[in-house]
Amino acid sequence: MEENVQGKQKNELVEWIKAIAFALLVAFVIKQFLFTPVLVKGASMMPTLEDQDRVIINKIGPKFKSVDRFDIVVVKMNEEENYIKRIIGLPGDKIEYKDDQLYINGEKYSEPYLDQYKKELKDSGSLTYDFTLEQILGENTVPEGDYFVLGDNRRVSKDSRVPEVGFISKEKIMGTTSIICWPIEHIDLSFN
């Protein structure tokens, strides 16, 4: 009888080990290929995202469909750095800013996510300085397979306007994000 109890305990332990191993495998697959948390570092996406916010990136979406204008993406810059930026220009787009206004292919676009900052800065100049792609990157349009990205905090953002960042290839885009999962007071399931 004692052997029977020990056998049941051993079987139960083996089943628990299998369940835990399976759960760890599923968690690894989800984090590696589907969704993963990313820490926001710096103020370049304020007010949309604040320093030390944690966002969840969707890694699978960009593999099956193209990213859309104004999506927020996580870009793999190098082994140590990821940038979180907003897609402004798609391949073939002509981008220009004039008097704090975005023009894409000559058409005026509104950016409601910048309204708060523009109101706060009204007396101290524009949020986004005037430029054309040709002035800053020597190209008339966004090259095929590339994107033009900007941070929402245009005065401090290191983004496609800076030659060492420049255009972003689709291969560098790790995924899109629209979920803030931490800290609790910032949780938002669709901030984009």
N, C-alpha and C. Protein backbone atom coordinates (compact mmCIF):
# COMPACT_ATOMS: atom_id res chain seq x y z
N MET A 1 0.81 -1.19 0.00
CA MET A 1 0.00 0.00 0.00
C MET A 1 0.86 1.26 0.00
N GLU A 2 1.94 1.22 0.79
CA GLU A 2 2.86 2.36 0.85
C GLU A 2 3.52 2.59 -0.51
N GLU A 3 3.87 1.48 -1.21
CA GLU A 3 4.45 1.61 -2.56
C GLU A 3 3.46 2.25 -3.52
N ASN A 4 2.19 1.93 -3.40
CA ASN A 4 1.15 2.48 -4.26
C ASN A 4 1.03 4.00 -4.06
N VAL A 5 1.10 4.48 -2.80
CA VAL A 5 1.05 5.91 -2.49
C VAL A 5 2.27 6.61 -3.06
N GLN A 6 3.44 6.00 -2.90
CA GLN A 6 4.68 6.60 -3.44
C GLN A 6 4.62 6.65 -4.96
N GLY A 7 4.06 5.62 -5.58
CA GLY A 7 3.92 5.59 -7.04
C GLY A 7 3.02 6.71 -7.53
N LYS A 8 1.89 6.94 -6.83
CA LYS A 8 0.97 8.02 -7.19
C LYS A 8 1.64 9.38 -7.03
N GLN A 9 2.39 9.55 -5.93
CA GLN A 9 3.09 10.81 -5.70
C GLN A 9 4.13 11.06 -6.79
N LYS A 10 4.82 9.99 -7.18
CA LYS A 10 5.85 10.10 -8.23
C LYS A 10 5.19 10.48 -9.56
N ASN A 11 4.06 9.82 -9.88
CA ASN A 11 3.34 10.13 -11.12
C ASN A 11 2.83 11.57 -11.11
N GLU A 12 2.33 12.01 -9.95
CA GLU A 12 1.83 13.37 -9.82
C GLU A 12 2.96 14.39 -10.01
N LEU A 13 4.13 14.10 -9.45
CA LEU A 13 5.29 14.97 -9.61
C LEU A 13 5.71 15.04 -11.07
N VAL A 14 5.73 13.91 -11.75
CA VAL A 14 6.09 13.87 -13.18
C VAL A 14 5.09 14.70 -13.99
N GLU A 15 3.81 14.59 -13.69
CA GLU A 15 2.79 15.36 -14.40
C GLU A 15 2.96 16.86 -14.16
N TRP A 16 3.29 17.24 -12.92
CA TRP A 16 3.53 18.65 -12.63
C TRP A 16 4.75 19.16 -13.40
N ILE A 17 5.79 18.39 -13.45
CA ILE A 17 7.00 18.78 -14.19
C ILE A 17 6.67 18.95 -15.67
N LYS A 18 5.90 18.03 -16.24
CA LYS A 18 5.49 18.13 -17.66
C LYS A 18 4.68 19.41 -17.88
N ALA A 19 3.72 19.68 -16.98
CA ALA A 19 2.87 20.86 -17.14
C ALA A 19 3.69 22.15 -17.06
N ILE A 20 4.61 22.21 -16.12
CA ILE A 20 5.46 23.40 -15.98
C ILE A 20 6.37 23.56 -17.19
N ALA A 21 6.95 22.48 -17.67
CA ALA A 21 7.81 22.53 -18.86
C ALA A 21 7.01 23.00 -20.08
N PHE A 22 5.79 22.49 -20.23
CA PHE A 22 4.94 22.90 -21.35
C PHE A 22 4.61 24.38 -21.25
N ALA A 23 4.25 24.84 -20.05
CA ALA A 23 3.93 26.26 -19.85
C ALA A 23 5.13 27.15 -20.17
N LEU A 24 6.32 26.74 -19.75
CA LEU A 24 7.53 27.50 -20.07
C LEU A 24 7.80 27.53 -21.56
N LEU A 25 7.57 26.42 -22.24
CA LEU A 25 7.76 26.35 -23.69
C LEU A 25 6.78 27.28 -24.40
N VAL A 26 5.52 27.26 -23.98
CA VAL A 26 4.51 28.15 -24.58
C VAL A 26 4.89 29.61 -24.33
N ALA A 27 5.29 29.93 -23.12
CA ALA A 27 5.69 31.31 -22.80
C ALA A 27 6.88 31.75 -23.66
N PHE A 28 7.85 30.86 -23.84
CA PHE A 28 9.02 31.17 -24.67
C PHE A 28 8.61 31.43 -26.12
N VAL A 29 7.76 30.59 -26.66
CA VAL A 29 7.30 30.75 -28.06
C VAL A 29 6.54 32.06 -28.22
N ILE A 30 5.63 32.36 -27.28
CA ILE A 30 4.86 33.60 -27.35
C ILE A 30 5.80 34.81 -27.31
N LYS A 31 6.75 34.81 -26.37
CA LYS A 31 7.67 35.95 -26.23
C LYS A 31 8.60 36.07 -27.43
N GLN A 32 9.07 34.95 -27.94
CA GLN A 32 10.04 34.97 -29.03
C GLN A 32 9.41 35.34 -30.37
N PHE A 33 8.19 34.86 -30.63
CA PHE A 33 7.63 34.99 -31.97
C PHE A 33 6.35 35.81 -32.06
N LEU A 34 5.61 36.02 -30.98
CA LEU A 34 4.32 36.69 -31.08
C LEU A 34 4.27 38.04 -30.39
N PHE A 35 4.44 38.06 -29.08
CA PHE A 35 4.33 39.29 -28.28
C PHE A 35 5.47 39.34 -27.27
N THR A 36 5.96 40.54 -27.01
CA THR A 36 7.00 40.68 -26.00
C THR A 36 6.92 42.08 -25.38
N PRO A 37 7.24 42.19 -24.10
CA PRO A 37 7.25 43.52 -23.47
C PRO A 37 8.54 44.27 -23.81
N VAL A 38 8.43 45.58 -23.93
CA VAL A 38 9.59 46.44 -24.21
C VAL A 38 9.50 47.64 -23.29
N LEU A 39 10.63 48.03 -22.73
CA LEU A 39 10.72 49.19 -21.86
C LEU A 39 10.98 50.44 -22.69
N VAL A 40 10.19 51.48 -22.45
CA VAL A 40 10.39 52.77 -23.11
C VAL A 40 11.50 53.50 -22.37
N LYS A 41 12.52 53.91 -23.10
CA LYS A 41 13.63 54.65 -22.50
C LYS A 41 13.70 56.03 -23.13
N GLY A 42 13.58 57.04 -22.29
CA GLY A 42 13.69 58.40 -22.77
C GLY A 42 12.34 59.06 -23.01
N ALA A 43 12.40 60.30 -23.48
CA ALA A 43 11.21 61.13 -23.63
C ALA A 43 10.82 61.36 -25.08
N SER A 44 11.37 60.62 -26.03
CA SER A 44 11.14 60.93 -27.44
C SER A 44 9.73 60.64 -27.93
N MET A 45 8.94 59.86 -27.19
CA MET A 45 7.56 59.58 -27.61
C MET A 45 6.52 60.25 -26.71
N MET A 46 6.97 61.14 -25.82
CA MET A 46 6.01 61.85 -24.97
C MET A 46 5.17 62.77 -25.83
N PRO A 47 3.93 63.02 -25.54
CA PRO A 47 3.16 62.56 -24.39
C PRO A 47 2.52 61.18 -24.58
N THR A 48 2.64 60.59 -25.75
CA THR A 48 2.00 59.29 -26.01
C THR A 48 2.56 58.22 -25.09
N LEU A 49 3.88 58.11 -25.01
CA LEU A 49 4.55 57.15 -24.14
C LEU A 49 5.56 57.89 -23.27
N GLU A 50 5.61 57.52 -22.01
CA GLU A 50 6.54 58.17 -21.08
C GLU A 50 7.72 57.27 -20.77
N ASP A 51 8.81 57.89 -20.35
CA ASP A 51 10.00 57.15 -19.93
C ASP A 51 9.61 56.11 -18.87
N GLN A 52 10.09 54.89 -19.04
CA GLN A 52 9.86 53.76 -18.14
C GLN A 52 8.49 53.08 -18.29
N ASP A 53 7.67 53.51 -19.26
CA ASP A 53 6.46 52.75 -19.57
C ASP A 53 6.90 51.41 -20.15
N ARG A 54 6.09 50.39 -19.95
CA ARG A 54 6.30 49.10 -20.60
C ARG A 54 5.18 48.89 -21.59
N VAL A 55 5.56 48.57 -22.83
CA VAL A 55 4.58 48.32 -23.88
C VAL A 55 4.72 46.88 -24.35
N ILE A 56 3.64 46.37 -24.93
CA ILE A 56 3.67 45.03 -25.51
C ILE A 56 3.76 45.21 -27.02
N ILE A 57 4.74 44.56 -27.64
CA ILE A 57 4.83 44.65 -29.10
C ILE A 57 4.28 43.39 -29.74
N ASN A 58 3.57 43.61 -30.83
CA ASN A 58 3.03 42.54 -31.65
C ASN A 58 4.08 42.24 -32.72
N LYS A 59 4.78 41.12 -32.57
CA LYS A 59 5.85 40.77 -33.49
C LYS A 59 5.34 40.07 -34.74
N ILE A 60 4.17 39.46 -34.65
CA ILE A 60 3.68 38.65 -35.76
C ILE A 60 3.01 39.50 -36.84
N GLY A 61 2.31 40.57 -36.43
CA GLY A 61 1.57 41.40 -37.38
C GLY A 61 2.38 41.89 -38.56
N PRO A 62 3.52 42.56 -38.33
CA PRO A 62 4.31 43.08 -39.45
C PRO A 62 4.89 42.00 -40.37
N LYS A 63 4.89 40.75 -39.93
CA LYS A 63 5.39 39.67 -40.79
C LYS A 63 4.39 39.33 -41.89
N PHE A 64 3.09 39.57 -41.61
CA PHE A 64 2.05 39.18 -42.55
C PHE A 64 1.39 40.34 -43.27
N LYS A 65 1.54 41.55 -42.75
CA LYS A 65 0.96 42.71 -43.42
C LYS A 65 1.93 43.88 -43.25
N SER A 66 1.76 44.86 -44.09
CA SER A 66 2.63 46.03 -43.98
C SER A 66 2.20 46.88 -42.80
N VAL A 67 3.13 47.67 -42.30
CA VAL A 67 2.78 48.61 -41.24
C VAL A 67 2.07 49.79 -41.88
N ASP A 68 1.23 50.42 -41.12
CA ASP A 68 0.44 51.54 -41.63
C ASP A 68 1.01 52.87 -41.15
N ARG A 69 0.66 53.91 -41.88
CA ARG A 69 1.05 55.25 -41.49
C ARG A 69 0.50 55.55 -40.09
N PHE A 70 1.31 56.13 -39.25
CA PHE A 70 1.02 56.52 -37.87
C PHE A 70 1.03 55.36 -36.88
N ASP A 71 1.34 54.12 -37.32
CA ASP A 71 1.56 53.03 -36.37
C ASP A 71 2.77 53.36 -35.52
N ILE A 72 2.75 52.92 -34.28
CA ILE A 72 3.93 53.04 -33.42
C ILE A 72 4.66 51.72 -33.50
N VAL A 73 5.96 51.79 -33.81
CA VAL A 73 6.76 50.59 -34.02
C VAL A 73 7.98 50.59 -33.11
N VAL A 74 8.48 49.38 -32.88
CA VAL A 74 9.74 49.22 -32.17
C VAL A 74 10.77 48.83 -33.23
N VAL A 75 11.85 49.60 -33.29
CA VAL A 75 12.89 49.43 -34.30
C VAL A 75 14.16 48.91 -33.64
N LYS A 76 14.72 47.84 -34.18
CA LYS A 76 15.98 47.28 -33.69
C LYS A 76 17.12 48.06 -34.35
N MET A 77 17.71 48.98 -33.60
CA MET A 77 18.78 49.81 -34.15
C MET A 77 20.12 49.06 -34.17
N ASN A 78 20.40 48.35 -33.07
CA ASN A 78 21.61 47.55 -32.97
C ASN A 78 21.38 46.54 -31.84
N GLU A 79 22.41 45.82 -31.46
CA GLU A 79 22.25 44.77 -30.44
C GLU A 79 21.78 45.31 -29.09
N GLU A 80 22.16 46.54 -28.75
CA GLU A 80 21.82 47.09 -27.44
C GLU A 80 20.62 48.01 -27.45
N GLU A 81 20.25 48.58 -28.61
CA GLU A 81 19.25 49.65 -28.65
C GLU A 81 18.04 49.33 -29.52
N ASN A 82 16.87 49.60 -28.94
CA ASN A 82 15.62 49.60 -29.69
C ASN A 82 15.05 51.01 -29.60
N TYR A 83 14.50 51.50 -30.69
CA TYR A 83 13.84 52.80 -30.70
C TYR A 83 12.34 52.57 -30.86
N ILE A 84 11.55 53.38 -30.18
CA ILE A 84 10.11 53.35 -30.37
C ILE A 84 9.74 54.65 -31.06
N LYS A 85 9.16 54.53 -32.25
CA LYS A 85 8.85 55.70 -33.08
C LYS A 85 7.51 55.50 -33.79
N ARG A 86 7.07 56.56 -34.45
CA ARG A 86 5.81 56.53 -35.19
C ARG A 86 6.12 56.55 -36.70
N ILE A 87 5.47 55.67 -37.45
CA ILE A 87 5.63 55.66 -38.91
C ILE A 87 4.95 56.91 -39.47
N ILE A 88 5.71 57.72 -40.18
CA ILE A 88 5.16 58.91 -40.83
C ILE A 88 5.15 58.71 -42.35
N GLY A 89 6.27 58.23 -42.88
CA GLY A 89 6.38 58.07 -44.33
C GLY A 89 6.48 56.62 -44.74
N LEU A 90 5.67 56.24 -45.73
CA LEU A 90 5.70 54.91 -46.32
C LEU A 90 6.56 54.94 -47.58
N PRO A 91 6.96 53.78 -48.11
CA PRO A 91 7.76 53.77 -49.34
C PRO A 91 7.08 54.57 -50.46
N GLY A 92 7.88 55.43 -51.08
CA GLY A 92 7.39 56.26 -52.18
C GLY A 92 6.81 57.60 -51.76
N ASP A 93 6.66 57.84 -50.45
CA ASP A 93 6.09 59.10 -49.97
C ASP A 93 7.09 60.24 -50.03
N LYS A 94 6.58 61.42 -50.32
CA LYS A 94 7.35 62.65 -50.24
C LYS A 94 6.89 63.35 -48.95
N ILE A 95 7.82 63.56 -48.02
CA ILE A 95 7.49 64.11 -46.69
C ILE A 95 8.04 65.52 -46.57
N GLU A 96 7.22 66.40 -46.02
CA GLU A 96 7.65 67.78 -45.78
C GLU A 96 6.92 68.31 -44.53
N TYR A 97 7.64 69.10 -43.75
CA TYR A 97 7.04 69.84 -42.65
C TYR A 97 7.22 71.32 -42.94
N LYS A 98 6.13 72.07 -42.81
CA LYS A 98 6.19 73.51 -43.01
C LYS A 98 5.23 74.17 -42.03
N ASP A 99 5.76 75.10 -41.23
CA ASP A 99 4.97 75.80 -40.21
C ASP A 99 4.29 74.81 -39.27
N ASP A 100 5.05 73.81 -38.82
CA ASP A 100 4.58 72.80 -37.85
C ASP A 100 3.43 71.95 -38.41
N GLN A 101 3.37 71.83 -39.71
CA GLN A 101 2.32 71.08 -40.37
C GLN A 101 2.94 69.99 -41.26
N LEU A 102 2.42 68.76 -41.16
CA LEU A 102 2.89 67.64 -41.96
C LEU A 102 2.21 67.64 -43.32
N TYR A 103 3.04 67.47 -44.36
CA TYR A 103 2.53 67.29 -45.73
C TYR A 103 3.12 65.99 -46.26
N ILE A 104 2.25 65.14 -46.78
CA ILE A 104 2.67 63.89 -47.40
C ILE A 104 2.18 63.91 -48.84
N ASN A 105 3.12 63.82 -49.76
CA ASN A 105 2.81 63.89 -51.19
C ASN A 105 2.00 65.15 -51.51
N GLY A 106 2.35 66.25 -50.83
CA GLY A 106 1.70 67.53 -51.06
C GLY A 106 0.37 67.71 -50.34
N GLU A 107 -0.13 66.67 -49.69
CA GLU A 107 -1.41 66.75 -48.99
C GLU A 107 -1.19 66.99 -47.50
N LYS A 108 -1.98 67.89 -46.94
CA LYS A 108 -1.89 68.24 -45.52
C LYS A 108 -2.49 67.10 -44.68
N TYR A 109 -1.74 66.69 -43.63
CA TYR A 109 -2.19 65.63 -42.72
C TYR A 109 -2.26 66.18 -41.30
N SER A 110 -3.32 65.81 -40.59
CA SER A 110 -3.40 66.21 -39.19
C SER A 110 -2.75 65.14 -38.32
N GLU A 111 -2.21 65.57 -37.20
CA GLU A 111 -1.58 64.67 -36.24
C GLU A 111 -2.18 64.96 -34.86
N PRO A 112 -3.37 64.42 -34.58
CA PRO A 112 -4.05 64.75 -33.32
C PRO A 112 -3.28 64.34 -32.07
N TYR A 113 -2.40 63.37 -32.18
CA TYR A 113 -1.59 62.93 -31.04
C TYR A 113 -0.57 64.00 -30.63
N LEU A 114 -0.37 65.03 -31.45
CA LEU A 114 0.55 66.11 -31.13
C LEU A 114 -0.15 67.36 -30.59
N ASP A 115 -1.47 67.38 -30.62
CA ASP A 115 -2.22 68.58 -30.25
C ASP A 115 -1.86 69.10 -28.86
N GLN A 116 -1.75 68.19 -27.88
CA GLN A 116 -1.43 68.60 -26.51
C GLN A 116 -0.09 69.33 -26.46
N TYR A 117 0.93 68.76 -27.09
CA TYR A 117 2.26 69.40 -27.08
C TYR A 117 2.25 70.73 -27.82
N LYS A 118 1.58 70.78 -28.95
CA LYS A 118 1.55 72.03 -29.71
C LYS A 118 0.91 73.15 -28.91
N LYS A 119 -0.14 72.85 -28.15
CA LYS A 119 -0.78 73.87 -27.31
C LYS A 119 0.17 74.35 -26.23
N GLU A 120 0.88 73.42 -25.60
CA GLU A 120 1.83 73.77 -24.54
C GLU A 120 2.99 74.62 -25.06
N LEU A 121 3.38 74.40 -26.30
CA LEU A 121 4.54 75.09 -26.87
C LEU A 121 4.18 76.31 -27.71
N LYS A 122 2.93 76.65 -27.75
CA LYS A 122 2.44 77.70 -28.64
C LYS A 122 3.28 78.98 -28.59
N ASP A 123 3.69 79.38 -27.40
CA ASP A 123 4.43 80.64 -27.25
C ASP A 123 5.94 80.48 -27.41
N SER A 124 6.42 79.25 -27.54
CA SER A 124 7.88 79.06 -27.62
C SER A 124 8.32 78.42 -28.94
N GLY A 125 7.56 78.63 -29.98
CA GLY A 125 7.96 78.13 -31.29
C GLY A 125 7.26 76.84 -31.66
N SER A 126 7.70 76.28 -32.77
CA SER A 126 7.04 75.08 -33.29
C SER A 126 7.59 73.81 -32.64
N LEU A 127 6.78 72.75 -32.71
CA LEU A 127 7.20 71.44 -32.20
C LEU A 127 8.13 70.76 -33.21
N THR A 128 7.76 70.84 -34.48
CA THR A 128 8.55 70.19 -35.54
C THR A 128 9.11 71.27 -36.46
N TYR A 129 10.43 71.31 -36.59
CA TYR A 129 11.04 72.31 -37.46
C TYR A 129 10.76 71.98 -38.93
N ASP A 130 10.83 73.00 -39.77
CA ASP A 130 10.58 72.83 -41.21
C ASP A 130 11.68 71.98 -41.84
N PHE A 131 11.28 71.07 -42.73
CA PHE A 131 12.25 70.28 -43.49
C PHE A 131 11.55 69.58 -44.65
N THR A 132 12.37 69.15 -45.61
CA THR A 132 11.95 68.23 -46.65
C THR A 132 12.90 67.03 -46.58
N LEU A 133 12.49 65.91 -47.16
CA LEU A 133 13.38 64.75 -47.17
C LEU A 133 14.70 65.08 -47.87
N GLU A 134 14.61 65.82 -48.95
CA GLU A 134 15.83 66.14 -49.70
C GLU A 134 16.81 66.97 -48.85
N GLN A 135 16.29 67.90 -48.05
CA GLN A 135 17.15 68.73 -47.21
C GLN A 135 17.87 67.90 -46.14
N ILE A 136 17.19 66.94 -45.55
CA ILE A 136 17.80 66.23 -44.43
C ILE A 136 18.45 64.90 -44.80
N LEU A 137 17.94 64.22 -45.84
CA LEU A 137 18.48 62.90 -46.18
C LEU A 137 18.90 62.76 -47.64
N GLY A 138 18.74 63.84 -48.43
CA GLY A 138 19.18 63.81 -49.81
C GLY A 138 18.32 62.96 -50.74
N GLU A 139 17.10 62.65 -50.36
CA GLU A 139 16.18 61.86 -51.19
C GLU A 139 14.89 62.64 -51.37
N ASN A 140 14.26 62.50 -52.54
CA ASN A 140 12.96 63.15 -52.76
C ASN A 140 11.82 62.39 -52.12
N THR A 141 11.94 61.06 -52.10
CA THR A 141 10.88 60.22 -51.53
C THR A 141 11.49 59.14 -50.64
N VAL A 142 10.64 58.53 -49.83
CA VAL A 142 11.09 57.42 -48.99
C VAL A 142 11.39 56.25 -49.92
N PRO A 143 12.60 55.68 -49.86
CA PRO A 143 12.97 54.58 -50.75
C PRO A 143 12.08 53.34 -50.57
N GLU A 144 11.96 52.56 -51.62
CA GLU A 144 11.18 51.32 -51.58
C GLU A 144 11.73 50.40 -50.49
N GLY A 145 10.84 49.82 -49.69
CA GLY A 145 11.24 48.92 -48.60
C GLY A 145 11.64 49.62 -47.32
N ASP A 146 11.59 50.97 -47.32
CA ASP A 146 11.98 51.74 -46.14
C ASP A 146 10.81 52.57 -45.62
N TYR A 147 10.99 53.10 -44.40
CA TYR A 147 9.98 53.94 -43.75
C TYR A 147 10.67 55.15 -43.15
N PHE A 148 9.91 56.22 -42.99
CA PHE A 148 10.38 57.43 -42.34
C PHE A 148 9.65 57.51 -41.00
N VAL A 149 10.39 57.55 -39.89
CA VAL A 149 9.79 57.52 -38.56
C VAL A 149 10.17 58.76 -37.76
N LEU A 150 9.25 59.19 -36.90
CA LEU A 150 9.50 60.31 -36.00
C LEU A 150 9.00 59.96 -34.62
N GLY A 151 9.64 60.54 -33.61
CA GLY A 151 9.12 60.47 -32.26
C GLY A 151 8.07 61.56 -32.09
N ASP A 152 7.13 61.36 -31.18
CA ASP A 152 6.09 62.37 -30.97
C ASP A 152 6.63 63.63 -30.31
N ASN A 153 7.70 63.51 -29.52
CA ASN A 153 8.33 64.65 -28.88
C ASN A 153 9.42 65.15 -29.83
N ARG A 154 9.00 65.86 -30.86
CA ARG A 154 9.86 66.20 -31.98
C ARG A 154 11.09 67.02 -31.61
N ARG A 155 11.05 67.75 -30.54
CA ARG A 155 12.20 68.59 -30.17
C ARG A 155 13.36 67.77 -29.61
N VAL A 156 13.10 66.58 -29.07
CA VAL A 156 14.18 65.80 -28.47
C VAL A 156 14.38 64.43 -29.14
N SER A 157 13.52 64.07 -30.06
CA SER A 157 13.58 62.73 -30.64
C SER A 157 14.73 62.55 -31.62
N LYS A 158 15.45 61.46 -31.45
CA LYS A 158 16.47 61.04 -32.41
C LYS A 158 15.76 60.05 -33.33
N ASP A 159 15.49 60.50 -34.56
CA ASP A 159 14.65 59.71 -35.46
C ASP A 159 15.15 59.82 -36.89
N SER A 160 14.30 59.58 -37.86
CA SER A 160 14.72 59.56 -39.27
C SER A 160 15.27 60.89 -39.76
N ARG A 161 15.04 61.97 -39.06
CA ARG A 161 15.60 63.27 -39.46
C ARG A 161 17.10 63.33 -39.26
N VAL A 162 17.62 62.43 -38.44
CA VAL A 162 19.05 62.40 -38.13
C VAL A 162 19.72 61.40 -39.08
N PRO A 163 20.73 61.81 -39.83
CA PRO A 163 21.34 60.91 -40.82
C PRO A 163 21.81 59.56 -40.27
N GLU A 164 22.29 59.51 -39.02
CA GLU A 164 22.74 58.20 -38.51
C GLU A 164 21.58 57.25 -38.24
N VAL A 165 20.35 57.76 -38.18
CA VAL A 165 19.16 56.90 -38.10
C VAL A 165 18.59 56.74 -39.49
N GLY A 166 18.25 57.85 -40.14
CA GLY A 166 17.77 57.83 -41.51
C GLY A 166 16.52 57.00 -41.72
N PHE A 167 16.38 56.50 -42.93
CA PHE A 167 15.23 55.66 -43.26
C PHE A 167 15.38 54.32 -42.54
N ILE A 168 14.25 53.72 -42.20
CA ILE A 168 14.23 52.46 -41.47
C ILE A 168 13.73 51.36 -42.40
N SER A 169 14.53 50.31 -42.56
CA SER A 169 14.10 49.19 -43.41
C SER A 169 13.08 48.34 -42.67
N LYS A 170 12.21 47.67 -43.41
CA LYS A 170 11.18 46.82 -42.80
C LYS A 170 11.82 45.74 -41.92
N GLU A 171 12.99 45.25 -42.28
CA GLU A 171 13.67 44.20 -41.50
C GLU A 171 14.02 44.67 -40.09
N LYS A 172 14.21 45.97 -39.90
CA LYS A 172 14.55 46.49 -38.57
C LYS A 172 13.34 46.65 -37.67
N ILE A 173 12.15 46.59 -38.23
CA ILE A 173 10.94 46.77 -37.43
C ILE A 173 10.61 45.46 -36.73
N MET A 174 10.73 45.49 -35.40
CA MET A 174 10.46 44.30 -34.58
C MET A 174 8.97 44.04 -34.45
N GLY A 175 8.18 45.09 -34.43
CA GLY A 175 6.75 44.94 -34.29
C GLY A 175 6.07 46.26 -34.02
N THR A 176 4.75 46.20 -33.95
CA THR A 176 3.95 47.38 -33.66
C THR A 176 3.46 47.31 -32.21
N THR A 177 3.07 48.45 -31.68
CA THR A 177 2.57 48.46 -30.31
C THR A 177 1.40 49.43 -30.18
N SER A 178 0.45 49.05 -29.36
CA SER A 178 -0.66 49.94 -29.01
C SER A 178 -1.15 49.64 -27.60
N ILE A 179 -0.34 48.91 -26.82
CA ILE A 179 -0.73 48.53 -25.46
C ILE A 179 0.36 48.94 -24.47
N ILE A 180 -0.02 49.76 -23.50
CA ILE A 180 0.87 50.05 -22.36
C ILE A 180 0.44 49.12 -21.24
N CYS A 181 1.38 48.32 -20.74
CA CYS A 181 1.02 47.35 -19.70
C CYS A 181 1.56 47.71 -18.32
N TRP A 182 2.40 48.74 -18.23
CA TRP A 182 2.98 49.11 -16.93
C TRP A 182 3.56 50.50 -17.03
N PRO A 183 3.52 51.32 -16.02
CA PRO A 183 2.97 51.14 -14.68
C PRO A 183 1.44 51.19 -14.70
N ILE A 184 0.85 50.79 -13.59
CA ILE A 184 -0.60 50.64 -13.50
C ILE A 184 -1.34 51.91 -13.91
N GLU A 185 -0.86 53.06 -13.47
CA GLU A 185 -1.57 54.32 -13.77
C GLU A 185 -1.50 54.69 -15.26
N HIS A 186 -0.65 54.03 -16.04
CA HIS A 186 -0.54 54.31 -17.47
C HIS A 186 -1.16 53.23 -18.35
N ILE A 187 -1.69 52.17 -17.75
CA ILE A 187 -2.22 51.05 -18.55
C ILE A 187 -3.24 51.58 -19.55
N ASP A 188 -3.03 51.19 -20.80
CA ASP A 188 -3.90 51.59 -21.90
C ASP A 188 -3.87 50.49 -22.95
N LEU A 189 -5.01 49.96 -23.31
CA LEU A 189 -5.06 48.83 -24.24
C LEU A 189 -5.17 49.25 -25.69
N SER A 190 -5.21 50.55 -25.95
CA SER A 190 -5.26 51.01 -27.34
C SER A 190 -4.91 52.49 -27.41
N PHE A 191 -3.66 52.84 -27.08
CA PHE A 191 -3.25 54.23 -27.01
C PHE A 191 -2.99 54.85 -28.36
N ASN A 192 -2.77 54.05 -29.36
CA ASN A 192 -2.36 54.52 -30.69
C ASN A 192 -3.46 55.34 -31.29
